[in-house]
mmCIF file of all heavy atoms, coordinates in Angstrom:
data_MODEL
# 
_entry.id   MODEL 
# 
loop_
_atom_site.group_PDB 
_atom_site.id 
_atom_site.type_symbol 
_atom_site.label_atom_id 
_atom_site.label_alt_id 
_atom_site.label_comp_id 
_atom_site.label_asym_id 
_atom_site.label_entity_id 
_atom_site.label_seq_id 
_atom_site.pdbx_PDB_ins_code 
_atom_site.Cartn_x 
_atom_site.Cartn_y 
_atom_site.Cartn_z 
_atom_site.occupancy 
_atom_site.B_iso_or_equiv 
_atom_site.pdbx_formal_charge 
_atom_site.auth_seq_id 
_atom_site.auth_comp_id 
_atom_site.auth_asym_id 
_atom_site.auth_atom_id 
_atom_site.pdbx_PDB_model_num 
ATOM 1   N N   . GLY A 1 1  ? 10.798 -4.008 -25.548 1.00 0.00 ? 1  GLY A N   1 
ATOM 2   C CA  . GLY A 1 1  ? 10.374 -5.331 -25.978 1.00 0.00 ? 1  GLY A CA  1 
ATOM 3   C C   . GLY A 1 1  ? 8.917  -5.588 -25.677 1.00 0.00 ? 1  GLY A C   1 
ATOM 4   O O   . GLY A 1 1  ? 8.277  -4.890 -24.902 1.00 0.00 ? 1  GLY A O   1 
ATOM 5   N N   . GLY A 1 2  ? 8.394  -6.632 -26.310 1.00 0.00 ? 2  GLY A N   1 
ATOM 6   C CA  . GLY A 1 2  ? 7.028  -7.025 -26.059 1.00 0.00 ? 2  GLY A CA  1 
ATOM 7   C C   . GLY A 1 2  ? 6.024  -6.183 -26.828 1.00 0.00 ? 2  GLY A C   1 
ATOM 8   O O   . GLY A 1 2  ? 6.363  -5.352 -27.679 1.00 0.00 ? 2  GLY A O   1 
ATOM 9   N N   . LYS A 1 3  ? 4.749  -6.378 -26.474 1.00 0.00 ? 3  LYS A N   1 
ATOM 10  C CA  . LYS A 1 3  ? 3.662  -5.682 -27.148 1.00 0.00 ? 3  LYS A CA  1 
ATOM 11  C C   . LYS A 1 3  ? 3.569  -4.237 -26.685 1.00 0.00 ? 3  LYS A C   1 
ATOM 12  O O   . LYS A 1 3  ? 3.768  -3.936 -25.518 1.00 0.00 ? 3  LYS A O   1 
ATOM 13  C CB  . LYS A 1 3  ? 2.346  -6.418 -26.871 1.00 0.00 ? 3  LYS A CB  1 
ATOM 14  C CG  . LYS A 1 3  ? 1.155  -5.853 -27.599 1.00 0.00 ? 3  LYS A CG  1 
ATOM 15  C CD  . LYS A 1 3  ? -0.090 -6.661 -27.272 1.00 0.00 ? 3  LYS A CD  1 
ATOM 16  C CE  . LYS A 1 3  ? -1.311 -6.073 -27.962 1.00 0.00 ? 3  LYS A CE  1 
ATOM 17  N NZ  . LYS A 1 3  ? -2.549 -6.832 -27.638 1.00 0.00 ? 3  LYS A NZ  1 
ATOM 18  N N   . ARG A 1 4  ? 3.238  -3.371 -27.597 1.00 0.00 ? 4  ARG A N   1 
ATOM 19  C CA  . ARG A 1 4  ? 3.115  -1.959 -27.265 1.00 0.00 ? 4  ARG A CA  1 
ATOM 20  C C   . ARG A 1 4  ? 1.891  -1.745 -26.360 1.00 0.00 ? 4  ARG A C   1 
ATOM 21  O O   . ARG A 1 4  ? 0.798  -2.254 -26.630 1.00 0.00 ? 4  ARG A O   1 
ATOM 22  C CB  . ARG A 1 4  ? 2.955  -1.137 -28.541 1.00 0.00 ? 4  ARG A CB  1 
ATOM 23  C CG  . ARG A 1 4  ? 3.057  0.373  -28.333 1.00 0.00 ? 4  ARG A CG  1 
ATOM 24  C CD  . ARG A 1 4  ? 2.819  1.081  -29.660 1.00 0.00 ? 4  ARG A CD  1 
ATOM 25  N NE  . ARG A 1 4  ? 3.008  2.515  -29.518 1.00 0.00 ? 4  ARG A NE  1 
ATOM 26  C CZ  . ARG A 1 4  ? 4.173  3.137  -29.734 1.00 0.00 ? 4  ARG A CZ  1 
ATOM 27  N NH1 . ARG A 1 4  ? 5.239  2.446  -30.091 1.00 0.00 ? 4  ARG A NH1 1 
ATOM 28  N NH2 . ARG A 1 4  ? 4.262  4.440  -29.610 1.00 0.00 ? 4  ARG A NH2 1 
ATOM 29  N N   . GLY A 1 5  ? 2.062  -1.022 -25.256 1.00 0.00 ? 5  GLY A N   1 
ATOM 30  C CA  . GLY A 1 5  ? 0.946  -0.786 -24.357 1.00 0.00 ? 5  GLY A CA  1 
ATOM 31  C C   . GLY A 1 5  ? 1.369  0.016  -23.138 1.00 0.00 ? 5  GLY A C   1 
ATOM 32  O O   . GLY A 1 5  ? 2.450  0.626  -23.109 1.00 0.00 ? 5  GLY A O   1 
ATOM 33  N N   . ILE A 1 6  ? 0.497  0.008  -22.127 1.00 0.00 ? 6  ILE A N   1 
ATOM 34  C CA  . ILE A 1 6  ? 0.734  0.791  -20.911 1.00 0.00 ? 6  ILE A CA  1 
ATOM 35  C C   . ILE A 1 6  ? 0.482  -0.100 -19.689 1.00 0.00 ? 6  ILE A C   1 
ATOM 36  O O   . ILE A 1 6  ? -0.470 -0.887 -19.668 1.00 0.00 ? 6  ILE A O   1 
ATOM 37  C CB  . ILE A 1 6  ? -0.198 2.022  -20.847 1.00 0.00 ? 6  ILE A CB  1 
ATOM 38  C CG1 . ILE A 1 6  ? -0.017 2.912  -22.067 1.00 0.00 ? 6  ILE A CG1 1 
ATOM 39  C CG2 . ILE A 1 6  ? 0.051  2.825  -19.564 1.00 0.00 ? 6  ILE A CG2 1 
ATOM 40  C CD1 . ILE A 1 6  ? -1.020 4.051  -22.132 1.00 0.00 ? 6  ILE A CD1 1 
ATOM 41  N N   . ILE A 1 7  ? 1.309  0.036  -18.700 1.00 0.00 ? 7  ILE A N   1 
ATOM 42  C CA  . ILE A 1 7  ? 1.120  -0.624 -17.410 1.00 0.00 ? 7  ILE A CA  1 
ATOM 43  C C   . ILE A 1 7  ? 1.135  0.452  -16.325 1.00 0.00 ? 7  ILE A C   1 
ATOM 44  O O   . ILE A 1 7  ? 2.025  1.312  -16.309 1.00 0.00 ? 7  ILE A O   1 
ATOM 45  C CB  . ILE A 1 7  ? 2.222  -1.667 -17.126 1.00 0.00 ? 7  ILE A CB  1 
ATOM 46  C CG1 . ILE A 1 7  ? 2.140  -2.828 -18.118 1.00 0.00 ? 7  ILE A CG1 1 
ATOM 47  C CG2 . ILE A 1 7  ? 2.102  -2.200 -15.689 1.00 0.00 ? 7  ILE A CG2 1 
ATOM 48  C CD1 . ILE A 1 7  ? 3.255  -3.849 -17.943 1.00 0.00 ? 7  ILE A CD1 1 
ATOM 49  N N   . LEU A 1 8  ? 0.141  0.413  -15.465 1.00 0.00 ? 8  LEU A N   1 
ATOM 50  C CA  . LEU A 1 8  ? 0.105  1.332  -14.328 1.00 0.00 ? 8  LEU A CA  1 
ATOM 51  C C   . LEU A 1 8  ? 0.493  0.554  -13.075 1.00 0.00 ? 8  LEU A C   1 
ATOM 52  O O   . LEU A 1 8  ? -0.210 -0.379 -12.663 1.00 0.00 ? 8  LEU A O   1 
ATOM 53  C CB  . LEU A 1 8  ? -1.289 1.945  -14.165 1.00 0.00 ? 8  LEU A CB  1 
ATOM 54  C CG  . LEU A 1 8  ? -1.443 2.918  -12.986 1.00 0.00 ? 8  LEU A CG  1 
ATOM 55  C CD1 . LEU A 1 8  ? -0.556 4.146  -13.170 1.00 0.00 ? 8  LEU A CD1 1 
ATOM 56  C CD2 . LEU A 1 8  ? -2.900 3.348  -12.810 1.00 0.00 ? 8  LEU A CD2 1 
ATOM 57  N N   . GLN A 1 9  ? 1.617  0.919  -12.511 1.00 0.00 ? 9  GLN A N   1 
ATOM 58  C CA  . GLN A 1 9  ? 2.109  0.267  -11.283 1.00 0.00 ? 9  GLN A CA  1 
ATOM 59  C C   . GLN A 1 9  ? 1.845  1.197  -10.100 1.00 0.00 ? 9  GLN A C   1 
ATOM 60  O O   . GLN A 1 9  ? 2.326  2.331  -10.076 1.00 0.00 ? 9  GLN A O   1 
ATOM 61  C CB  . GLN A 1 9  ? 3.604  -0.038 -11.400 1.00 0.00 ? 9  GLN A CB  1 
ATOM 62  C CG  . GLN A 1 9  ? 4.166  -0.822 -10.233 1.00 0.00 ? 9  GLN A CG  1 
ATOM 63  C CD  . GLN A 1 9  ? 5.648  -1.130 -10.416 1.00 0.00 ? 9  GLN A CD  1 
ATOM 64  O OE1 . GLN A 1 9  ? 6.352  -0.442 -11.162 1.00 0.00 ? 9  GLN A OE1 1 
ATOM 65  N NE2 . GLN A 1 9  ? 6.123  -2.161 -9.765  1.00 0.00 ? 9  GLN A NE2 1 
ATOM 66  N N   . THR A 1 10 ? 1.051  0.736  -9.158  1.00 0.00 ? 10 THR A N   1 
ATOM 67  C CA  . THR A 1 10 ? 0.673  1.559  -8.004  1.00 0.00 ? 10 THR A CA  1 
ATOM 68  C C   . THR A 1 10 ? 1.050  0.861  -6.704  1.00 0.00 ? 10 THR A C   1 
ATOM 69  O O   . THR A 1 10 ? 1.086  -0.375 -6.637  1.00 0.00 ? 10 THR A O   1 
ATOM 70  C CB  . THR A 1 10 ? -0.844 1.839  -8.002  1.00 0.00 ? 10 THR A CB  1 
ATOM 71  O OG1 . THR A 1 10 ? -1.541 0.595  -8.073  1.00 0.00 ? 10 THR A OG1 1 
ATOM 72  C CG2 . THR A 1 10 ? -1.246 2.716  -9.158  1.00 0.00 ? 10 THR A CG2 1 
ATOM 73  N N   . VAL A 1 11 ? 1.314  1.664  -5.694  1.00 0.00 ? 11 VAL A N   1 
ATOM 74  C CA  . VAL A 1 11 ? 1.573  1.147  -4.347  1.00 0.00 ? 11 VAL A CA  1 
ATOM 75  C C   . VAL A 1 11 ? 0.607  1.841  -3.396  1.00 0.00 ? 11 VAL A C   1 
ATOM 76  O O   . VAL A 1 11 ? 0.602  3.071  -3.293  1.00 0.00 ? 11 VAL A O   1 
ATOM 77  C CB  . VAL A 1 11 ? 3.031  1.400  -3.899  1.00 0.00 ? 11 VAL A CB  1 
ATOM 78  C CG1 . VAL A 1 11 ? 3.226  0.926  -2.463  1.00 0.00 ? 11 VAL A CG1 1 
ATOM 79  C CG2 . VAL A 1 11 ? 4.004  0.680  -4.822  1.00 0.00 ? 11 VAL A CG2 1 
ATOM 80  N N   . TYR A 1 12 ? -0.218 1.046  -2.755  1.00 0.00 ? 12 TYR A N   1 
ATOM 81  C CA  . TYR A 1 12 ? -1.157 1.550  -1.748  1.00 0.00 ? 12 TYR A CA  1 
ATOM 82  C C   . TYR A 1 12 ? -0.642 1.169  -0.363  1.00 0.00 ? 12 TYR A C   1 
ATOM 83  O O   . TYR A 1 12 ? 0.066  0.160  -0.196  1.00 0.00 ? 12 TYR A O   1 
ATOM 84  C CB  . TYR A 1 12 ? -2.547 0.954  -1.957  1.00 0.00 ? 12 TYR A CB  1 
ATOM 85  C CG  . TYR A 1 12 ? -3.208 1.357  -3.249  1.00 0.00 ? 12 TYR A CG  1 
ATOM 86  C CD1 . TYR A 1 12 ? -2.928 0.670  -4.439  1.00 0.00 ? 12 TYR A CD1 1 
ATOM 87  C CD2 . TYR A 1 12 ? -4.107 2.407  -3.296  1.00 0.00 ? 12 TYR A CD2 1 
ATOM 88  C CE1 . TYR A 1 12 ? -3.533 1.034  -5.635  1.00 0.00 ? 12 TYR A CE1 1 
ATOM 89  C CE2 . TYR A 1 12 ? -4.724 2.782  -4.492  1.00 0.00 ? 12 TYR A CE2 1 
ATOM 90  C CZ  . TYR A 1 12 ? -4.423 2.092  -5.652  1.00 0.00 ? 12 TYR A CZ  1 
ATOM 91  O OH  . TYR A 1 12 ? -5.022 2.462  -6.822  1.00 0.00 ? 12 TYR A OH  1 
ATOM 92  N N   . LEU A 1 13 ? -1.021 1.953  0.612   1.00 0.00 ? 13 LEU A N   1 
ATOM 93  C CA  . LEU A 1 13 ? -0.622 1.675  1.985   1.00 0.00 ? 13 LEU A CA  1 
ATOM 94  C C   . LEU A 1 13 ? -1.875 1.464  2.821   1.00 0.00 ? 13 LEU A C   1 
ATOM 95  O O   . LEU A 1 13 ? -2.731 2.346  2.914   1.00 0.00 ? 13 LEU A O   1 
ATOM 96  C CB  . LEU A 1 13 ? 0.198  2.846  2.553   1.00 0.00 ? 13 LEU A CB  1 
ATOM 97  C CG  . LEU A 1 13 ? 1.056  2.534  3.779   1.00 0.00 ? 13 LEU A CG  1 
ATOM 98  C CD1 . LEU A 1 13 ? 2.120  1.502  3.438   1.00 0.00 ? 13 LEU A CD1 1 
ATOM 99  C CD2 . LEU A 1 13 ? 1.709  3.798  4.310   1.00 0.00 ? 13 LEU A CD2 1 
ATOM 100 N N   . LEU A 1 14 ? -1.976 0.273  3.401   1.00 0.00 ? 14 LEU A N   1 
ATOM 101 C CA  . LEU A 1 14 ? -3.087 -0.037 4.298   1.00 0.00 ? 14 LEU A CA  1 
ATOM 102 C C   . LEU A 1 14 ? -2.625 0.236  5.721   1.00 0.00 ? 14 LEU A C   1 
ATOM 103 O O   . LEU A 1 14 ? -1.679 -0.375 6.201   1.00 0.00 ? 14 LEU A O   1 
ATOM 104 C CB  . LEU A 1 14 ? -3.499 -1.502 4.152   1.00 0.00 ? 14 LEU A CB  1 
ATOM 105 C CG  . LEU A 1 14 ? -4.678 -1.969 5.023   1.00 0.00 ? 14 LEU A CG  1 
ATOM 106 C CD1 . LEU A 1 14 ? -5.957 -1.239 4.636   1.00 0.00 ? 14 LEU A CD1 1 
ATOM 107 C CD2 . LEU A 1 14 ? -4.871 -3.481 4.890   1.00 0.00 ? 14 LEU A CD2 1 
ATOM 108 N N   . GLU A 1 15 ? -3.278 1.167  6.400   1.00 0.00 ? 15 GLU A N   1 
ATOM 109 C CA  . GLU A 1 15 ? -2.832 1.568  7.730   1.00 0.00 ? 15 GLU A CA  1 
ATOM 110 C C   . GLU A 1 15 ? -4.022 1.891  8.604   1.00 0.00 ? 15 GLU A C   1 
ATOM 111 O O   . GLU A 1 15 ? -5.112 2.198  8.127   1.00 0.00 ? 15 GLU A O   1 
ATOM 112 C CB  . GLU A 1 15 ? -1.899 2.781  7.640   1.00 0.00 ? 15 GLU A CB  1 
ATOM 113 C CG  . GLU A 1 15 ? -2.511 3.965  6.929   1.00 0.00 ? 15 GLU A CG  1 
ATOM 114 C CD  . GLU A 1 15 ? -1.537 5.082  6.662   1.00 0.00 ? 15 GLU A CD  1 
ATOM 115 O OE1 . GLU A 1 15 ? -0.374 4.951  7.048   1.00 0.00 ? 15 GLU A OE1 1 
ATOM 116 O OE2 . GLU A 1 15 ? -1.937 6.105  6.078   1.00 0.00 ? 15 GLU A OE2 1 
ATOM 117 N N   . SER A 1 16 ? -3.796 1.807  9.892   1.00 0.00 ? 16 SER A N   1 
ATOM 118 C CA  . SER A 1 16 ? -4.833 2.118  10.873  1.00 0.00 ? 16 SER A CA  1 
ATOM 119 C C   . SER A 1 16 ? -4.286 3.141  11.850  1.00 0.00 ? 16 SER A C   1 
ATOM 120 O O   . SER A 1 16 ? -3.206 2.947  12.431  1.00 0.00 ? 16 SER A O   1 
ATOM 121 C CB  . SER A 1 16 ? -5.264 0.854  11.625  1.00 0.00 ? 16 SER A CB  1 
ATOM 122 O OG  . SER A 1 16 ? -6.213 1.166  12.630  1.00 0.00 ? 16 SER A OG  1 
ATOM 123 N N   . VAL A 1 17 ? -5.009 4.225  12.031  1.00 0.00 ? 17 VAL A N   1 
ATOM 124 C CA  . VAL A 1 17 ? -4.620 5.262  12.988  1.00 0.00 ? 17 VAL A CA  1 
ATOM 125 C C   . VAL A 1 17 ? -5.329 4.964  14.299  1.00 0.00 ? 17 VAL A C   1 
ATOM 126 O O   . VAL A 1 17 ? -6.554 5.076  14.402  1.00 0.00 ? 17 VAL A O   1 
ATOM 127 C CB  . VAL A 1 17 ? -5.001 6.663  12.470  1.00 0.00 ? 17 VAL A CB  1 
ATOM 128 C CG1 . VAL A 1 17 ? -4.580 7.722  13.479  1.00 0.00 ? 17 VAL A CG1 1 
ATOM 129 C CG2 . VAL A 1 17 ? -4.351 6.918  11.114  1.00 0.00 ? 17 VAL A CG2 1 
ATOM 130 N N   . ALA A 1 18 ? -4.557 4.544  15.300  1.00 0.00 ? 18 ALA A N   1 
ATOM 131 C CA  . ALA A 1 18 ? -5.130 4.125  16.585  1.00 0.00 ? 18 ALA A CA  1 
ATOM 132 C C   . ALA A 1 18 ? -4.301 4.689  17.722  1.00 0.00 ? 18 ALA A C   1 
ATOM 133 O O   . ALA A 1 18 ? -3.124 5.045  17.538  1.00 0.00 ? 18 ALA A O   1 
ATOM 134 C CB  . ALA A 1 18 ? -5.178 2.600  16.666  1.00 0.00 ? 18 ALA A CB  1 
ATOM 135 N N   . PRO A 1 19 ? -4.870 4.788  18.921  1.00 0.00 ? 19 PRO A N   1 
ATOM 136 C CA  . PRO A 1 19 ? -4.096 5.254  20.084  1.00 0.00 ? 19 PRO A CA  1 
ATOM 137 C C   . PRO A 1 19 ? -2.869 4.371  20.316  1.00 0.00 ? 19 PRO A C   1 
ATOM 138 O O   . PRO A 1 19 ? -2.912 3.154  20.112  1.00 0.00 ? 19 PRO A O   1 
ATOM 139 C CB  . PRO A 1 19 ? -5.097 5.123  21.248  1.00 0.00 ? 19 PRO A CB  1 
ATOM 140 C CG  . PRO A 1 19 ? -6.447 5.199  20.606  1.00 0.00 ? 19 PRO A CG  1 
ATOM 141 C CD  . PRO A 1 19 ? -6.291 4.555  19.263  1.00 0.00 ? 19 PRO A CD  1 
ATOM 142 N N   . SER A 1 20 ? -1.786 4.989  20.730  1.00 0.00 ? 20 SER A N   1 
ATOM 143 C CA  . SER A 1 20 ? -0.520 4.267  20.877  1.00 0.00 ? 20 SER A CA  1 
ATOM 144 C C   . SER A 1 20 ? -0.599 3.134  21.889  1.00 0.00 ? 20 SER A C   1 
ATOM 145 O O   . SER A 1 20 ? 0.101  2.125  21.754  1.00 0.00 ? 20 SER A O   1 
ATOM 146 C CB  . SER A 1 20 ? 0.597  5.241  21.274  1.00 0.00 ? 20 SER A CB  1 
ATOM 147 O OG  . SER A 1 20 ? 0.271  5.906  22.491  1.00 0.00 ? 20 SER A OG  1 
ATOM 148 N N   . GLU A 1 21 ? -1.470 3.289  22.915  1.00 0.00 ? 21 GLU A N   1 
ATOM 149 C CA  . GLU A 1 21 ? -1.522 2.258  23.955  1.00 0.00 ? 21 GLU A CA  1 
ATOM 150 C C   . GLU A 1 21 ? -2.087 0.934  23.444  1.00 0.00 ? 21 GLU A C   1 
ATOM 151 O O   . GLU A 1 21 ? -1.917 -0.110 24.089  1.00 0.00 ? 21 GLU A O   1 
ATOM 152 C CB  . GLU A 1 21 ? -2.335 2.737  25.162  1.00 0.00 ? 21 GLU A CB  1 
ATOM 153 C CG  . GLU A 1 21 ? -3.793 3.063  24.859  1.00 0.00 ? 21 GLU A CG  1 
ATOM 154 C CD  . GLU A 1 21 ? -3.992 4.536  24.537  1.00 0.00 ? 21 GLU A CD  1 
ATOM 155 O OE1 . GLU A 1 21 ? -2.987 5.205  24.229  1.00 0.00 ? 21 GLU A OE1 1 
ATOM 156 O OE2 . GLU A 1 21 ? -5.139 5.006  24.613  1.00 0.00 ? 21 GLU A OE2 1 
ATOM 157 N N   . LEU A 1 22 ? -2.757 0.952  22.286  1.00 0.00 ? 22 LEU A N   1 
ATOM 158 C CA  . LEU A 1 22 ? -3.290 -0.291 21.729  1.00 0.00 ? 22 LEU A CA  1 
ATOM 159 C C   . LEU A 1 22 ? -2.217 -1.115 21.020  1.00 0.00 ? 22 LEU A C   1 
ATOM 160 O O   . LEU A 1 22 ? -2.377 -2.324 20.843  1.00 0.00 ? 22 LEU A O   1 
ATOM 161 C CB  . LEU A 1 22 ? -4.427 0.008  20.749  1.00 0.00 ? 22 LEU A CB  1 
ATOM 162 C CG  . LEU A 1 22 ? -5.726 0.553  21.344  1.00 0.00 ? 22 LEU A CG  1 
ATOM 163 C CD1 . LEU A 1 22 ? -6.739 0.825  20.236  1.00 0.00 ? 22 LEU A CD1 1 
ATOM 164 C CD2 . LEU A 1 22 ? -6.310 -0.405 22.366  1.00 0.00 ? 22 LEU A CD2 1 
ATOM 165 N N   . HIS A 1 23 ? -1.123 -0.466 20.601  1.00 0.00 ? 23 HIS A N   1 
ATOM 166 C CA  . HIS A 1 23 ? -0.038 -1.152 19.871  1.00 0.00 ? 23 HIS A CA  1 
ATOM 167 C C   . HIS A 1 23 ? -0.614 -1.970 18.709  1.00 0.00 ? 23 HIS A C   1 
ATOM 168 O O   . HIS A 1 23 ? -0.308 -3.155 18.543  1.00 0.00 ? 23 HIS A O   1 
ATOM 169 C CB  . HIS A 1 23 ? 0.757  -2.055 20.812  1.00 0.00 ? 23 HIS A CB  1 
ATOM 170 C CG  . HIS A 1 23 ? 1.407  -1.319 21.942  1.00 0.00 ? 23 HIS A CG  1 
ATOM 171 N ND1 . HIS A 1 23 ? 2.496  -0.483 21.769  1.00 0.00 ? 23 HIS A ND1 1 
ATOM 172 C CD2 . HIS A 1 23 ? 1.109  -1.287 23.266  1.00 0.00 ? 23 HIS A CD2 1 
ATOM 173 C CE1 . HIS A 1 23 ? 2.840  0.034  22.939  1.00 0.00 ? 23 HIS A CE1 1 
ATOM 174 N NE2 . HIS A 1 23 ? 2.019  -0.436 23.866  1.00 0.00 ? 23 HIS A NE2 1 
ATOM 175 N N   . ILE A 1 24 ? -1.433 -1.323 17.914  1.00 0.00 ? 24 ILE A N   1 
ATOM 176 C CA  . ILE A 1 24 ? -2.129 -2.031 16.841  1.00 0.00 ? 24 ILE A CA  1 
ATOM 177 C C   . ILE A 1 24 ? -1.180 -2.531 15.763  1.00 0.00 ? 24 ILE A C   1 
ATOM 178 O O   . ILE A 1 24 ? -1.508 -3.450 14.994  1.00 0.00 ? 24 ILE A O   1 
ATOM 179 C CB  . ILE A 1 24 ? -3.215 -1.114 16.231  1.00 0.00 ? 24 ILE A CB  1 
ATOM 180 C CG1 . ILE A 1 24 ? -4.280 -1.955 15.516  1.00 0.00 ? 24 ILE A CG1 1 
ATOM 181 C CG2 . ILE A 1 24 ? -2.592 -0.086 15.283  1.00 0.00 ? 24 ILE A CG2 1 
ATOM 182 C CD1 . ILE A 1 24 ? -5.509 -1.177 15.123  1.00 0.00 ? 24 ILE A CD1 1 
ATOM 183 N N   . GLU A 1 25 ? 0.044  -1.966 15.722  1.00 0.00 ? 25 GLU A N   1 
ATOM 184 C CA  . GLU A 1 25 ? 1.017  -2.404 14.724  1.00 0.00 ? 25 GLU A CA  1 
ATOM 185 C C   . GLU A 1 25 ? 1.433  -3.856 14.921  1.00 0.00 ? 25 GLU A C   1 
ATOM 186 O O   . GLU A 1 25 ? 2.038  -4.471 14.032  1.00 0.00 ? 25 GLU A O   1 
ATOM 187 C CB  . GLU A 1 25 ? 2.251  -1.496 14.736  1.00 0.00 ? 25 GLU A CB  1 
ATOM 188 C CG  . GLU A 1 25 ? 3.071  -1.520 16.009  1.00 0.00 ? 25 GLU A CG  1 
ATOM 189 C CD  . GLU A 1 25 ? 2.506  -0.596 17.067  1.00 0.00 ? 25 GLU A CD  1 
ATOM 190 O OE1 . GLU A 1 25 ? 1.481  0.075  16.805  1.00 0.00 ? 25 GLU A OE1 1 
ATOM 191 O OE2 . GLU A 1 25 ? 3.093  -0.545 18.161  1.00 0.00 ? 25 GLU A OE2 1 
ATOM 192 N N   . ARG A 1 26 ? 1.140  -4.428 16.091  1.00 0.00 ? 26 ARG A N   1 
ATOM 193 C CA  . ARG A 1 26 ? 1.418  -5.852 16.297  1.00 0.00 ? 26 ARG A CA  1 
ATOM 194 C C   . ARG A 1 26 ? 0.620  -6.714 15.333  1.00 0.00 ? 26 ARG A C   1 
ATOM 195 O O   . ARG A 1 26 ? 1.070  -7.794 14.927  1.00 0.00 ? 26 ARG A O   1 
ATOM 196 C CB  . ARG A 1 26 ? 1.063  -6.267 17.729  1.00 0.00 ? 26 ARG A CB  1 
ATOM 197 C CG  . ARG A 1 26 ? 1.930  -5.654 18.810  1.00 0.00 ? 26 ARG A CG  1 
ATOM 198 C CD  . ARG A 1 26 ? 1.418  -6.059 20.183  1.00 0.00 ? 26 ARG A CD  1 
ATOM 199 N NE  . ARG A 1 26 ? 0.104  -5.464 20.455  1.00 0.00 ? 26 ARG A NE  1 
ATOM 200 C CZ  . ARG A 1 26 ? -0.628 -5.761 21.532  1.00 0.00 ? 26 ARG A CZ  1 
ATOM 201 N NH1 . ARG A 1 26 ? -0.200 -6.665 22.391  1.00 0.00 ? 26 ARG A NH1 1 
ATOM 202 N NH2 . ARG A 1 26 ? -1.793 -5.167 21.724  1.00 0.00 ? 26 ARG A NH2 1 
# 
């Protein structure tokens, strides 16, 4: 259905690699 065309669906992950003692995931 709908108009003929293309859609690009992307998923990006924003992450930080840090020492575990910082608990940056908080």
